[in-house]
Structure formats: structure tokens, C-alpha cells
Amino acid sequence: MESTKFSLLFFYVIFLAILPTLKANIGHFDHVWHRRMKEAREAAKKAYKPNPMKVTAEFNAQVTRYIKYLYILISFLFFSACNR
């Protein structure tokens, strides 16, 4: 008997939680999502690079520059700490 009451209560809670989503009127927001889809496609077209080797070379150059910068910074901090 207790499990039946619990099951019935559980069903009513789930039903009442789902009911507002059925009447969400998502159609009113359809134009917003359509505009966002167009913006996303345009951004993807602008970001697309047809030459993957060039993209990889640019990425590697930036990583190399950053590693050199870190090396110089760390060595400066280490040597300045040793000379104190």
C-alpha cells in the first residue's frame, strides 16, 4: 500500500514537472535560434582555413615563441634570485 502511494505521488510530481514544458511556446523563439544559426555558420566560414599545413606551422611558431619567452623569463628570475 505504501509503495502504491509513493508511486502515485512520484507520478504526479513528474507529471506536474513536465506539464509546463509542453506549453513552453518555443515557437516564439524560433526566429532567435534561426538568427543564431546563421551567425554561427558565418563565423565558421570566416574561421575556416583551407590549408591545414599553414595553420599547423603558425600554431607551432606561436608555441615556440611562447616557450622561448618562458625560458627567458624563468632564467631571468632564477639568476636574479641567485644574485641576491
Protein backbone atom coordinates (compact mmCIF):
# COMPACT_ATOMS: atom_id res chain seq x y z
CA MET A 1 0.00 0.00 0.00
CA GLU A 2 2.82 2.37 0.88
CA SER A 3 4.66 1.69 -2.37
CA THR A 4 1.47 2.37 -4.33
CA LYS A 5 1.04 5.75 -2.62
CA PHE A 6 4.67 6.57 -3.23
CA SER A 7 4.41 5.55 -6.90
CA LEU A 8 1.28 7.62 -7.37
CA LEU A 9 2.90 10.63 -5.69
CA PHE A 10 6.00 10.19 -7.81
CA PHE A 11 3.87 10.05 -10.97
CA TYR A 12 2.01 13.25 -10.05
CA VAL A 13 5.25 15.11 -9.29
CA ILE A 14 6.80 14.06 -12.59
CA PHE A 15 3.60 14.90 -14.46
CA LEU A 16 3.40 18.34 -12.89
CA ALA A 17 7.07 18.96 -13.67
CA ILE A 18 6.64 18.00 -17.34
CA LEU A 19 3.36 19.83 -17.92
CA PRO A 20 4.86 23.38 -18.15
CA THR A 21 7.38 22.26 -20.75
CA LEU A 22 4.58 21.09 -23.03
CA LYS A 23 3.18 24.61 -23.07
CA ALA A 24 6.54 26.38 -23.38
CA ASN A 25 5.63 28.15 -26.66
CA ILE A 26 9.07 27.51 -28.06
CA GLY A 27 7.82 28.63 -31.47
CA HIS A 28 8.10 32.22 -30.33
CA PHE A 29 11.87 31.80 -30.00
CA ASP A 30 12.33 30.08 -33.33
CA HIS A 31 13.46 33.27 -35.08
CA VAL A 32 16.11 33.80 -32.41
CA TRP A 33 17.58 30.33 -32.95
CA HIS A 34 17.44 30.76 -36.72
CA ARG A 35 19.41 34.03 -36.47
CA ARG A 36 21.94 32.41 -34.14
CA MET A 37 22.34 29.52 -36.60
CA LYS A 38 23.09 31.97 -39.42
CA GLU A 39 25.60 33.84 -37.25
CA ALA A 40 27.32 30.61 -36.26
CA ARG A 41 27.60 29.46 -39.86
CA GLU A 42 29.04 32.82 -40.92
CA ALA A 43 31.58 32.72 -38.08
CA ALA A 44 32.57 29.17 -39.04
CA LYS A 45 33.05 30.23 -42.68
CA LYS A 46 35.27 33.14 -41.61
CA ALA A 47 37.34 30.95 -39.29
CA TYR A 48 37.87 28.17 -41.84
CA LYS A 49 41.43 27.88 -43.15
CA PRO A 50 41.73 25.68 -46.25
CA ASN A 51 45.44 24.94 -45.76
CA PRO A 52 45.97 22.79 -42.64
CA MET A 53 49.76 22.77 -43.03
CA LYS A 54 49.87 26.57 -42.80
CA VAL A 55 47.63 26.55 -39.72
CA THR A 56 49.87 23.96 -38.08
CA ALA A 57 53.01 25.94 -38.92
CA GLU A 58 51.50 29.13 -37.43
CA PHE A 59 50.48 27.27 -34.30
CA ASN A 60 53.93 25.73 -33.90
CA ALA A 61 55.57 29.14 -34.37
CA GLN A 62 53.40 30.66 -31.65
CA VAL A 63 54.14 27.78 -29.26
CA THR A 64 57.87 28.10 -29.95
CA ARG A 65 57.73 31.86 -29.30
CA TYR A 66 55.89 31.31 -26.04
CA ILE A 67 58.30 28.61 -24.85
CA LYS A 68 61.27 30.88 -25.62
CA TYR A 69 59.59 33.67 -23.68
CA LEU A 70 59.03 31.37 -20.70
CA TYR A 71 62.62 30.15 -20.86
CA ILE A 72 63.94 33.72 -20.82
CA LEU A 73 61.58 34.70 -18.01
CA ILE A 74 62.41 31.70 -15.84
CA SER A 75 66.14 32.05 -16.39
CA PHE A 76 65.94 35.78 -15.55
CA LEU A 77 64.01 35.05 -12.36
CA PHE A 78 66.37 32.24 -11.41
CA PHE A 79 69.55 34.23 -12.00
CA SER A 80 68.19 37.33 -10.29
CA ALA A 81 67.27 35.21 -7.27
CA CYS A 82 70.76 33.64 -7.20
CA ASN A 83 72.49 37.03 -7.33
CA ARG A 84 70.77 38.41 -4.24
